[in-house]
Amino acid sequence: MIEATIKAVQEAEAKADELIAEAKKQAAEVLAASETKIGELKEAAKQQAKADAEAKLLAARAEGEKILADGEAESGKEIKSLKETAAGKADAAVSALIGELIG
């Protein structure tokens, strides 16, 4: 009877050792899979951040180009207006000068 008890204890210990070894193996597999998934998620987040930054850069560049184009158009209008005003005043000045010289 003692021998049967000892054998049962030894079998239980052996089974416990097998279960512990299997649990360690599964834990290692889960850890490896988790590390792989974390790496994939980090890379995906990095790529998304890069894409977002590039999109923002393109939008900022387009906005800057639009502001420059609008500024150039406005400057062109103002230059044209100033030239027309100056031409009119030059004609008036020439006419006034001629009037002074003749009269």
PDB file of N, CA and C in Angstrom:
ATOM      1  N   MET A   1       0.808  -1.192   0.000  1.00  0.00           N
ATOM      2  CA  MET A   1       0.000   0.000   0.000  1.00  0.00           C
ATOM      3  C   MET A   1       0.855   1.261   0.000  1.00  0.00           C
ATOM      4  N   ILE A   2       1.944   1.262   0.761  1.00  0.00           N
ATOM      5  CA  ILE A   2       2.855   2.403   0.777  1.00  0.00           C
ATOM      6  C   ILE A   2       3.506   2.557  -0.592  1.00  0.00           C
ATOM      7  N   GLU A   3       3.845   1.427  -1.196  1.00  0.00           N
ATOM      8  CA  GLU A   3       4.467   1.480  -2.516  1.00  0.00           C
ATOM      9  C   GLU A   3       3.504   2.101  -3.534  1.00  0.00           C
ATOM     10  N   ALA A   4       2.238   1.768  -3.433  1.00  0.00           N
ATOM     11  CA  ALA A   4       1.239   2.331  -4.344  1.00  0.00           C
ATOM     12  C   ALA A   4       1.093   3.821  -4.119  1.00  0.00           C
ATOM     13  N   THR A   5       1.143   4.234  -2.890  1.00  0.00           N
ATOM     14  CA  THR A   5       1.042   5.659  -2.564  1.00  0.00           C
ATOM     15  C   THR A   5       2.258   6.401  -3.096  1.00  0.00           C
ATOM     16  N   ILE A   6       3.451   5.825  -2.874  1.00  0.00           N
ATOM     17  CA  ILE A   6       4.686   6.453  -3.361  1.00  0.00           C
ATOM     18  C   ILE A   6       4.646   6.549  -4.879  1.00  0.00           C
ATOM     19  N   LYS A   7       4.198   5.467  -5.520  1.00  0.00           N
ATOM     20  CA  LYS A   7       4.111   5.475  -6.986  1.00  0.00           C
ATOM     21  C   LYS A   7       3.114   6.537  -7.453  1.00  0.00           C
ATOM     22  N   ALA A   8       1.989   6.670  -6.770  1.00  0.00           N
ATOM     23  CA  ALA A   8       0.984   7.663  -7.133  1.00  0.00           C
ATOM     24  C   ALA A   8       1.534   9.077  -6.960  1.00  0.00           C
ATOM     25  N   VAL A   9       2.300   9.295  -5.887  1.00  0.00           N
ATOM     26  CA  VAL A   9       2.917  10.608  -5.659  1.00  0.00           C
ATOM     27  C   VAL A   9       3.931  10.898  -6.749  1.00  0.00           C
ATOM     28  N   GLN A  10       4.743   9.881  -7.096  1.00  0.00           N
ATOM     29  CA  GLN A  10       5.756  10.071  -8.138  1.00  0.00           C
ATOM     30  C   GLN A  10       5.095  10.369  -9.491  1.00  0.00           C
ATOM     31  N   GLU A  11       4.022   9.665  -9.790  1.00  0.00           N
ATOM     32  CA  GLU A  11       3.306   9.909 -11.045  1.00  0.00           C
ATOM     33  C   GLU A  11       2.698  11.319 -11.046  1.00  0.00           C
ATOM     34  N   ALA A  12       2.167  11.718  -9.884  1.00  0.00           N
ATOM     35  CA  ALA A  12       1.591  13.066  -9.779  1.00  0.00           C
ATOM     36  C   ALA A  12       2.668  14.128  -9.949  1.00  0.00           C
ATOM     37  N   GLU A  13       3.838  13.886  -9.354  1.00  0.00           N
ATOM     38  CA  GLU A  13       4.954  14.829  -9.509  1.00  0.00           C
ATOM     39  C   GLU A  13       5.404  14.889 -10.963  1.00  0.00           C
ATOM     40  N   ALA A  14       5.475  13.741 -11.619  1.00  0.00           N
ATOM     41  CA  ALA A  14       5.886  13.697 -13.027  1.00  0.00           C
ATOM     42  C   ALA A  14       4.871  14.451 -13.893  1.00  0.00           C
ATOM     43  N   LYS A  15       3.600  14.216 -13.606  1.00  0.00           N
ATOM     44  CA  LYS A  15       2.545  14.914 -14.355  1.00  0.00           C
ATOM     45  C   LYS A  15       2.621  16.419 -14.098  1.00  0.00           C
ATOM     46  N   ALA A  16       2.871  16.812 -12.840  1.00  0.00           N
ATOM     47  CA  ALA A  16       3.007  18.223 -12.513  1.00  0.00           C
ATOM     48  C   ALA A  16       4.199  18.822 -13.250  1.00  0.00           C
ATOM     49  N   ASP A  17       5.325  18.098 -13.308  1.00  0.00           N
ATOM     50  CA  ASP A  17       6.502  18.582 -14.037  1.00  0.00           C
ATOM     51  C   ASP A  17       6.179  18.772 -15.520  1.00  0.00           C
ATOM     52  N   GLU A  18       5.422  17.822 -16.102  1.00  0.00           N
ATOM     53  CA  GLU A  18       5.029  17.940 -17.510  1.00  0.00           C
ATOM     54  C   GLU A  18       4.136  19.165 -17.720  1.00  0.00           C
ATOM     55  N   LEU A  19       3.193  19.347 -16.793  1.00  0.00           N
ATOM     56  CA  LEU A  19       2.295  20.500 -16.904  1.00  0.00           C
ATOM     57  C   LEU A  19       3.057  21.812 -16.777  1.00  0.00           C
ATOM     58  N   ILE A  20       4.019  21.856 -15.853  1.00  0.00           N
ATOM     59  CA  ILE A  20       4.836  23.062 -15.684  1.00  0.00           C
ATOM     60  C   ILE A  20       5.646  23.329 -16.946  1.00  0.00           C
ATOM     61  N   ALA A  21       6.245  22.287 -17.516  1.00  0.00           N
ATOM     62  CA  ALA A  21       7.035  22.447 -18.739  1.00  0.00           C
ATOM     63  C   ALA A  21       6.151  22.930 -19.890  1.00  0.00           C
ATOM     64  N   GLU A  22       4.961  22.364 -20.012  1.00  0.00           N
ATOM     65  CA  GLU A  22       4.038  22.787 -21.066  1.00  0.00           C
ATOM     66  C   GLU A  22       3.603  24.237 -20.861  1.00  0.00           C
ATOM     67  N   ALA A  23       3.338  24.603 -19.619  1.00  0.00           N
ATOM     68  CA  ALA A  23       2.939  25.980 -19.319  1.00  0.00           C
ATOM     69  C   ALA A  23       4.064  26.953 -19.657  1.00  0.00           C
ATOM     70  N   LYS A  24       5.309  26.594 -19.327  1.00  0.00           N
ATOM     71  CA  LYS A  24       6.446  27.451 -19.674  1.00  0.00           C
ATOM     72  C   LYS A  24       6.593  27.590 -21.180  1.00  0.00           C
ATOM     73  N   LYS A  25       6.397  26.491 -21.895  1.00  0.00           N
ATOM     74  CA  LYS A  25       6.489  26.520 -23.353  1.00  0.00           C
ATOM     75  C   LYS A  25       5.415  27.441 -23.937  1.00  0.00           C
ATOM     76  N   GLN A  26       4.176  27.286 -23.441  1.00  0.00           N
ATOM     77  CA  GLN A  26       3.085  28.133 -23.929  1.00  0.00           C
ATOM     78  C   GLN A  26       3.323  29.602 -23.583  1.00  0.00           C
ATOM     79  N   ALA A  27       3.846  29.862 -22.391  1.00  0.00           N
ATOM     80  CA  ALA A  27       4.130  31.240 -21.992  1.00  0.00           C
ATOM     81  C   ALA A  27       5.179  31.855 -22.915  1.00  0.00           C
ATOM     82  N   ALA A  28       6.215  31.074 -23.250  1.00  0.00           N
ATOM     83  CA  ALA A  28       7.254  31.564 -24.157  1.00  0.00           C
ATOM     84  C   ALA A  28       6.677  31.854 -25.542  1.00  0.00           C
ATOM     85  N   GLU A  29       5.788  30.990 -26.021  1.00  0.00           N
ATOM     86  CA  GLU A  29       5.166  31.189 -27.333  1.00  0.00           C
ATOM     87  C   GLU A  29       4.285  32.443 -27.336  1.00  0.00           C
ATOM     88  N   VAL A  30       3.513  32.618 -26.260  1.00  0.00           N
ATOM     89  CA  VAL A  30       2.649  33.798 -26.153  1.00  0.00           C
ATOM     90  C   VAL A  30       3.497  35.062 -26.091  1.00  0.00           C
ATOM     91  N   LEU A  31       4.583  35.009 -25.333  1.00  0.00           N
ATOM     92  CA  LEU A  31       5.471  36.167 -25.225  1.00  0.00           C
ATOM     93  C   LEU A  31       6.089  36.502 -26.581  1.00  0.00           C
ATOM     94  N   ALA A  32       6.549  35.490 -27.303  1.00  0.00           N
ATOM     95  CA  ALA A  32       7.142  35.729 -28.622  1.00  0.00           C
ATOM     96  C   ALA A  32       6.111  36.313 -29.587  1.00  0.00           C
ATOM     97  N   ALA A  33       4.902  35.763 -29.556  1.00  0.00           N
ATOM     98  CA  ALA A  33       3.843  36.274 -30.435  1.00  0.00           C
ATOM     99  C   ALA A  33       3.488  37.711 -30.066  1.00  0.00           C
ATOM    100  N   SER A  34       3.460  37.993 -28.778  1.00  0.00           N
ATOM    101  CA  SER A  34       3.154  39.360 -28.320  1.00  0.00           C
ATOM    102  C   SER A  34       4.230  40.335 -28.769  1.00  0.00           C
ATOM    103  N   GLU A  35       5.480  39.932 -28.646  1.00  0.00           N
ATOM    104  CA  GLU A  35       6.574  40.814 -29.075  1.00  0.00           C
ATOM    105  C   GLU A  35       6.513  41.069 -30.569  1.00  0.00           C
ATOM    106  N   THR A  36       6.183  40.046 -31.340  1.00  0.00           N
ATOM    107  CA  THR A  36       6.042  40.210 -32.790  1.00  0.00           C
ATOM    108  C   THR A  36       4.902  41.175 -33.110  1.00  0.00           C
ATOM    109  N   LYS A  37       3.777  40.982 -32.443  1.00  0.00           N
ATOM    110  CA  LYS A  37       2.615  41.851 -32.681  1.00  0.00           C
ATOM    111  C   LYS A  37       2.921  43.291 -32.279  1.00  0.00           C
ATOM    112  N   ILE A  38       3.614  43.470 -31.164  1.00  0.00           N
ATOM    113  CA  ILE A  38       3.993  44.819 -30.727  1.00  0.00           C
ATOM    114  C   ILE A  38       4.876  45.475 -31.780  1.00  0.00           C
ATOM    115  N   GLY A  39       5.831  44.721 -32.304  1.00  0.00           N
ATOM    116  CA  GLY A  39       6.695  45.252 -33.355  1.00  0.00           C
ATOM    117  C   GLY A  39       5.901  45.668 -34.583  1.00  0.00           C
ATOM    118  N   GLU A  40       4.939  44.832 -34.966  1.00  0.00           N
ATOM    119  CA  GLU A  40       4.103  45.151 -36.126  1.00  0.00           C
ATOM    120  C   GLU A  40       3.266  46.399 -35.873  1.00  0.00           C
ATOM    121  N   LEU A  41       2.698  46.494 -34.676  1.00  0.00           N
ATOM    122  CA  LEU A  41       1.881  47.667 -34.343  1.00  0.00           C
ATOM    123  C   LEU A  41       2.723  48.937 -34.319  1.00  0.00           C
ATOM    124  N   LYS A  42       3.944  48.844 -33.780  1.00  0.00           N
ATOM    125  CA  LYS A  42       4.828  50.014 -33.761  1.00  0.00           C
ATOM    126  C   LYS A  42       5.157  50.452 -35.180  1.00  0.00           C
ATOM    127  N   GLU A  43       5.457  49.493 -36.042  1.00  0.00           N
ATOM    128  CA  GLU A  43       5.797  49.829 -37.429  1.00  0.00           C
ATOM    129  C   GLU A  43       4.595  50.453 -38.143  1.00  0.00           C
ATOM    130  N   ALA A  44       3.411  49.901 -37.914  1.00  0.00           N
ATOM    131  CA  ALA A  44       2.202  50.456 -38.532  1.00  0.00           C
ATOM    132  C   ALA A  44       1.960  51.879 -38.042  1.00  0.00           C
ATOM    133  N   ALA A  45       2.137  52.100 -36.746  1.00  0.00           N
ATOM    134  CA  ALA A  45       1.951  53.448 -36.192  1.00  0.00           C
ATOM    135  C   ALA A  45       2.976  54.412 -36.772  1.00  0.00           C
ATOM    136  N   LYS A  46       4.199  53.936 -36.930  1.00  0.00           N
ATOM    137  CA  LYS A  46       5.262  54.772 -37.501  1.00  0.00           C
ATOM    138  C   LYS A  46       4.930  55.144 -38.950  1.00  0.00           C
ATOM    139  N   GLN A  47       4.480  54.172 -39.721  1.00  0.00           N
ATOM    140  CA  GLN A  47       4.125  54.438 -41.119  1.00  0.00           C
ATOM    141  C   GLN A  47       2.942  55.399 -41.215  1.00  0.00           C
ATOM    142  N   GLN A  48       1.964  55.229 -40.331  1.00  0.00           N
ATOM    143  CA  GLN A  48       0.799  56.120 -40.338  1.00  0.00           C
ATOM    144  C   GLN A  48       1.204  57.540 -39.971  1.00  0.00           C
ATOM    145  N   ALA A  49       2.071  57.661 -38.972  1.00  0.00           N
ATOM    146  CA  ALA A  49       2.541  58.992 -38.563  1.00  0.00           C
ATOM    147  C   ALA A  49       3.303  59.658 -39.708  1.00  0.00           C
ATOM    148  N   LYS A  50       4.111  58.875 -40.408  1.00  0.00           N
ATOM    149  CA  LYS A  50       4.873  59.407 -41.539  1.00  0.00           C
ATOM    150  C   LYS A  50       3.923  59.871 -42.653  1.00  0.00           C
ATOM    151  N   ALA A  51       2.918  59.055 -42.939  1.00  0.00           N
ATOM    152  CA  ALA A  51       1.947  59.422 -43.978  1.00  0.00           C
ATOM    153  C   ALA A  51       1.176  60.674 -43.582  1.00  0.00           C
ATOM    154  N   ASP A  52       0.787  60.752 -42.312  1.00  0.00           N
ATOM    155  CA  ASP A  52       0.070  61.947 -41.833  1.00  0.00           C
ATOM    156  C   ASP A  52       0.949  63.189 -41.949  1.00  0.00           C
ATOM    157  N   ALA A  53       2.218  63.066 -41.583  1.00  0.00           N
ATOM    158  CA  ALA A  53       3.136  64.206 -41.659  1.00  0.00           C
ATOM    159  C   ALA A  53       3.334  64.646 -43.104  1.00  0.00           C
ATOM    160  N   GLU A  54       3.463  63.677 -44.010  1.00  0.00           N
ATOM    161  CA  GLU A  54       3.634  64.023 -45.425  1.00  0.00           C
ATOM    162  C   GLU A  54       2.386  64.722 -45.967  1.00  0.00           C
ATOM    163  N   ALA A  55       1.211  64.248 -45.563  1.00  0.00           N
ATOM    164  CA  ALA A  55      -0.034  64.875 -46.020  1.00  0.00           C
ATOM    165  C   ALA A  55      -0.129  66.306 -45.501  1.00  0.00           C
ATOM    166  N   LYS A  56       0.241  66.511 -44.241  1.00  0.00           N
ATOM    167  CA  LYS A  56       0.205  67.865 -43.673  1.00  0.00           C
ATOM    168  C   LYS A  56       1.216  68.769 -44.370  1.00  0.00           C
ATOM    169  N   LEU A  57       2.377  68.230 -44.691  1.00  0.00           N
ATOM    170  CA  LEU A  57       3.390  69.014 -45.397  1.00  0.00           C
ATOM    171  C   LEU A  57       2.882  69.431 -46.776  1.00  0.00           C
ATOM    172  N   LEU A  58       2.268  68.497 -47.491  1.00  0.00           N
ATOM    173  CA  LEU A  58       1.725  68.826 -48.816  1.00  0.00           C
ATOM    174  C   LEU A  58       0.628  69.877 -48.716  1.00  0.00           C
ATOM    175  N   ALA A  59      -0.224  69.747 -47.716  1.00  0.00           N
ATOM    176  CA  ALA A  59      -1.305  70.736 -47.539  1.00  0.00           C
ATOM    177  C   ALA A  59      -0.728  72.104 -47.209  1.00  0.00           C
ATOM    178  N   ALA A  60       0.286  72.147 -46.345  1.00  0.00           N
ATOM    179  CA  ALA A  60       0.915  73.420 -45.984  1.00  0.00           C
ATOM    180  C   ALA A  60       1.603  74.040 -47.194  1.00  0.00           C
ATOM    181  N   ARG A  61       2.256  73.196 -47.985  1.00  0.00           N
ATOM    182  CA  ARG A  61       2.933  73.698 -49.187  1.00  0.00           C
ATOM    183  C   ARG A  61       1.913  74.274 -50.169  1.00  0.00           C
ATOM    184  N   ALA A  62       0.800  73.573 -50.360  1.00  0.00           N
ATOM    185  CA  ALA A  62      -0.236  74.056 -51.276  1.00  0.00           C
ATOM    186  C   ALA A  62      -0.818  75.377 -50.777  1.00  0.00           C
ATOM    187  N   GLU A  63      -1.050  75.473 -49.464  1.00  0.00           N
ATOM    188  CA  GLU A  63      -1.574  76.715 -48.885  1.00  0.00           C
ATOM    189  C   GLU A  63      -0.575  77.854 -49.077  1.00  0.00           C
ATOM    190  N   GLY A  64       0.702  77.581 -48.876  1.00  0.00           N
ATOM    191  CA  GLY A  64       1.730  78.604 -49.069  1.00  0.00           C
ATOM    192  C   GLY A  64       1.794  79.075 -50.511  1.00  0.00           C
ATOM    193  N   GLU A  65       1.706  78.127 -51.438  1.00  0.00           N
ATOM    194  CA  GLU A  65       1.728  78.493 -52.861  1.00  0.00           C
ATOM    195  C   GLU A  65       0.505  79.329 -53.233  1.00  0.00           C
ATOM    196  N   LYS A  66      -0.654  78.998 -52.650  1.00  0.00           N
ATOM    197  CA  LYS A  66      -1.870  79.773 -52.919  1.00  0.00           C
ATOM    198  C   LYS A  66      -1.726  81.192 -52.377  1.00  0.00           C
ATOM    199  N   ILE A  67      -1.175  81.313 -51.180  1.00  0.00           N
ATOM    200  CA  ILE A  67      -0.979  82.645 -50.587  1.00  0.00           C
ATOM    201  C   ILE A  67      -0.038  83.467 -51.453  1.00  0.00           C
ATOM    202  N   LEU A  68       1.043  82.842 -51.930  1.00  0.00           N
ATOM    203  CA  LEU A  68       1.978  83.561 -52.807  1.00  0.00           C
ATOM    204  C   LEU A  68       1.307  83.986 -54.111  1.00  0.00           C
ATOM    205  N   ALA A  69       0.534  83.075 -54.698  1.00  0.00           N
ATOM    206  CA  ALA A  69      -0.147  83.404 -55.953  1.00  0.00           C
ATOM    207  C   ALA A  69      -1.151  84.538 -55.747  1.00  0.00           C
ATOM    208  N   ASP A  70      -1.898  84.474 -54.651  1.00  0.00           N
ATOM    209  CA  ASP A  70      -2.855  85.548 -54.360  1.00  0.00           C
ATOM    210  C   ASP A  70      -2.128  86.878 -54.143  1.00  0.00           C
ATOM    211  N   GLY A  71      -1.003  86.814 -53.433  1.00  0.00           N
ATOM    212  CA  GLY A  71      -0.214  88.025 -53.190  1.00  0.00           C
ATOM    213  C   GLY A  71       0.331  88.603 -54.476  1.00  0.00           C
ATOM    214  N   GLU A  72       0.803  87.744 -55.369  1.00  0.00           N
ATOM    215  CA  GLU A  72       1.326  88.215 -56.650  1.00  0.00           C
ATOM    216  C   GLU A  72       0.214  88.851 -57.480  1.00  0.00           C
ATOM    217  N   ALA A  73      -0.955  88.243 -57.478  1.00  0.00           N
ATOM    218  CA  ALA A  73      -2.075  88.792 -58.244  1.00  0.00           C
ATOM    219  C   ALA A  73      -2.476  90.155 -57.687  1.00  0.00           C
ATOM    220  N   GLU A  74      -2.550  90.260 -56.369  1.00  0.00           N
ATOM    221  CA  GLU A  74      -2.914  91.536 -55.745  1.00  0.00           C
ATOM    222  C   GLU A  74      -1.851  92.590 -56.017  1.00  0.00           C
ATOM    223  N   SER A  75      -0.578  92.187 -55.941  1.00  0.00           N
ATOM    224  CA  SER A  75       0.503  93.137 -56.225  1.00  0.00           C
ATOM    225  C   SER A  75       0.440  93.605 -57.674  1.00  0.00           C
ATOM    226  N   GLY A  76       0.153  92.684 -58.580  1.00  0.00           N
ATOM    227  CA  GLY A  76       0.035  93.043 -59.991  1.00  0.00           C
ATOM    228  C   GLY A  76      -1.067  94.059 -60.220  1.00  0.00           C
ATOM    229  N   LYS A  77      -2.204  93.872 -59.559  1.00  0.00           N
ATOM    230  CA  LYS A  77      -3.313  94.831 -59.690  1.00  0.00           C
ATOM    231  C   LYS A  77      -2.907  96.200 -59.149  1.00  0.00           C
ATOM    232  N   GLU A  78      -2.238  96.188 -58.005  1.00  0.00           N
ATOM    233  CA  GLU A  78      -1.854  97.458 -57.397  1.00  0.00           C
ATOM    234  C   GLU A  78      -0.809  98.174 -58.256  1.00  0.00           C
ATOM    235  N   ILE A  79       0.134  97.432 -58.808  1.00  0.00           N
ATOM    236  CA  ILE A  79       1.156  98.039 -59.682  1.00  0.00           C
ATOM    237  C   ILE A  79       0.497  98.646 -60.912  1.00  0.00           C
ATOM    238  N   LYS A  80      -0.462  97.929 -61.501  1.00  0.00           N
ATOM    239  CA  LYS A  80      -1.160  98.443 -62.678  1.00  0.00           C
ATOM    240  C   LYS A  80      -1.906  99.736 -62.335  1.00  0.00           C
ATOM    241  N   SER A  81      -2.564  99.738 -61.193  1.00  0.00           N
ATOM    242  CA  SER A  81      -3.306 100.928 -60.765  1.00  0.00           C
ATOM    243  C   SER A  81      -2.360 102.098 -60.547  1.00  0.00           C
ATOM    244  N   LEU A  82      -1.227 101.843 -59.901  1.00  0.00           N
ATOM    245  CA  LEU A  82      -0.252 102.919 -59.662  1.00  0.00           C
ATOM    246  C   LEU A  82       0.316 103.453 -60.975  1.00  0.00           C
ATOM    247  N   LYS A  83       0.574 102.570 -61.911  1.00  0.00           N
ATOM    248  CA  LYS A  83       1.093 103.011 -63.214  1.00  0.00           C
ATOM    249  C   LYS A  83       0.062 103.877 -63.930  1.00  0.00           C
ATOM    250  N   GLU A  84      -1.210 103.462 -63.872  1.00  0.00           N
ATOM    251  CA  GLU A  84      -2.263 104.265 -64.521  1.00  0.00           C
ATOM    252  C   GLU A  84      -2.392 105.630 -63.856  1.00  0.00           C
ATOM    253  N   THR A  85      -2.329 105.650 -62.533  1.00  0.00           N
ATOM    254  CA  THR A  85      -2.419 106.921 -61.807  1.00  0.00           C
ATOM    255  C   THR A  85      -1.228 107.803 -62.151  1.00  0.00           C
ATOM    256  N   ALA A  86      -0.039 107.198 -62.172  1.00  0.00           N
ATOM    257  CA  ALA A  86       1.177 107.958 -62.483  1.00  0.00           C
ATOM    258  C   ALA A  86       1.131 108.483 -63.913  1.00  0.00           C
ATOM    259  N   ALA A  87       0.652 107.665 -64.843  1.00  0.00           N
ATOM    260  CA  ALA A  87       0.570 108.110 -66.239  1.00  0.00           C
ATOM    261  C   ALA A  87      -0.388 109.288 -66.363  1.00  0.00           C
ATOM    262  N   GLY A  88      -1.508 109.227 -65.670  1.00  0.00           N
ATOM    263  CA  GLY A  88      -2.471 110.332 -65.708  1.00  0.00           C
ATOM    264  C   GLY A  88      -1.878 111.590 -65.111  1.00  0.00           C
ATOM    265  N   LYS A  89      -1.163 111.461 -64.013  1.00  0.00           N
ATOM    266  CA  LYS A  89      -0.559 112.635 -63.378  1.00  0.00           C
ATOM    267  C   LYS A  89       0.586 113.175 -64.228  1.00  0.00           C
ATOM    268  N   ALA A  90       1.290 112.288 -64.907  1.00  0.00           N
ATOM    269  CA  ALA A  90       2.381 112.753 -65.776  1.00  0.00           C
ATOM    270  C   ALA A  90       1.809 113.564 -66.930  1.00  0.00           C
ATOM    271  N   ASP A  91       0.713 113.077 -67.510  1.00  0.00           N
ATOM    272  CA  ASP A  91       0.072 113.822 -68.599  1.00  0.00           C
ATOM    273  C   ASP A  91      -0.403 115.185 -68.103  1.00  0.00           C
ATOM    274  N   ALA A  92      -0.983 115.236 -66.920  1.00  0.00           N
ATOM    275  CA  ALA A  92      -1.461 116.499 -66.356  1.00  0.00           C
ATOM    276  C   ALA A  92      -0.289 117.428 -66.067  1.00  0.00           C
ATOM    277  N   ALA A  93       0.810 116.859 -65.578  1.00  0.00           N
ATOM    278  CA  ALA A  93       1.979 117.686 -65.282  1.00  0.00           C
ATOM    279  C   ALA A  93       2.569 118.254 -66.559  1.00  0.00           C
ATOM    280  N   VAL A  94       2.640 117.435 -67.598  1.00  0.00           N
ATOM    281  CA  VAL A  94       3.167 117.913 -68.880  1.00  0.00           C
ATOM    282  C   VAL A  94       2.256 119.010 -69.436  1.00  0.00           C
ATOM    283  N   SER A  95       0.964 118.797 -69.345  1.00  0.00           N
ATOM    284  CA  SER A  95       0.017 119.803 -69.841  1.00  0.00           C
ATOM    285  C   SER A  95       0.151 121.101 -69.039  1.00  0.00           C
ATOM    286  N   ALA A  96       0.293 121.004 -67.744  1.00  0.00           N
ATOM    287  CA  ALA A  96       0.440 122.178 -66.897  1.00  0.00           C
ATOM    288  C   ALA A  96       1.738 122.901 -67.225  1.00  0.00           C
ATOM    289  N   LEU A  97       2.801 122.139 -67.432  1.00  0.00           N
ATOM    290  CA  LEU A  97       4.107 122.735 -67.743  1.00  0.00           C
ATOM    291  C   LEU A  97       4.041 123.450 -69.096  1.00  0.00           C
ATOM    292  N   ILE A  98       3.401 122.827 -70.077  1.00  0.00           N
ATOM    293  CA  ILE A  98       3.265 123.444 -71.384  1.00  0.00           C
ATOM    294  C   ILE A  98       2.421 124.725 -71.257  1.00  0.00           C
ATOM    295  N   GLY A  99       1.363 124.621 -70.461  1.00  0.00           N
ATOM    296  CA  GLY A  99       0.519 125.812 -70.253  1.00  0.00           C
ATOM    297  C   GLY A  99       1.305 126.945 -69.614  1.00  0.00           C
ATOM    298  N   GLU A 100       2.156 126.661 -68.676  1.00  0.00           N
ATOM    299  CA  GLU A 100       2.979 127.665 -68.024  1.00  0.00           C
ATOM    300  C   GLU A 100       3.994 128.259 -69.005  1.00  0.00           C
ATOM    301  N   LEU A 101       4.562 127.400 -69.819  1.00  0.00           N
ATOM    302  CA  LEU A 101       5.555 127.880 -70.755  1.00  0.00           C
ATOM    303  C   LEU A 101       4.922 128.741 -71.870  1.00  0.00           C
ATOM    304  N   ILE A 102       3.752 128.342 -72.286  1.00  0.00           N
ATOM    305  CA  ILE A 102       3.084 129.094 -73.366  1.00  0.00           C
ATOM    306  C   ILE A 102       2.432 130.367 -72.808  1.00  0.00           C
ATOM    307  N   GLY A 103       1.813 130.227 -71.699  1.00  0.00           N
ATOM    308  CA  GLY A 103       1.013 131.308 -71.185  1.00  0.00           C
ATOM    309  C   GLY A 103       1.703 132.269 -70.351  1.00  0.00           C
TER     310      GLY A 103
END
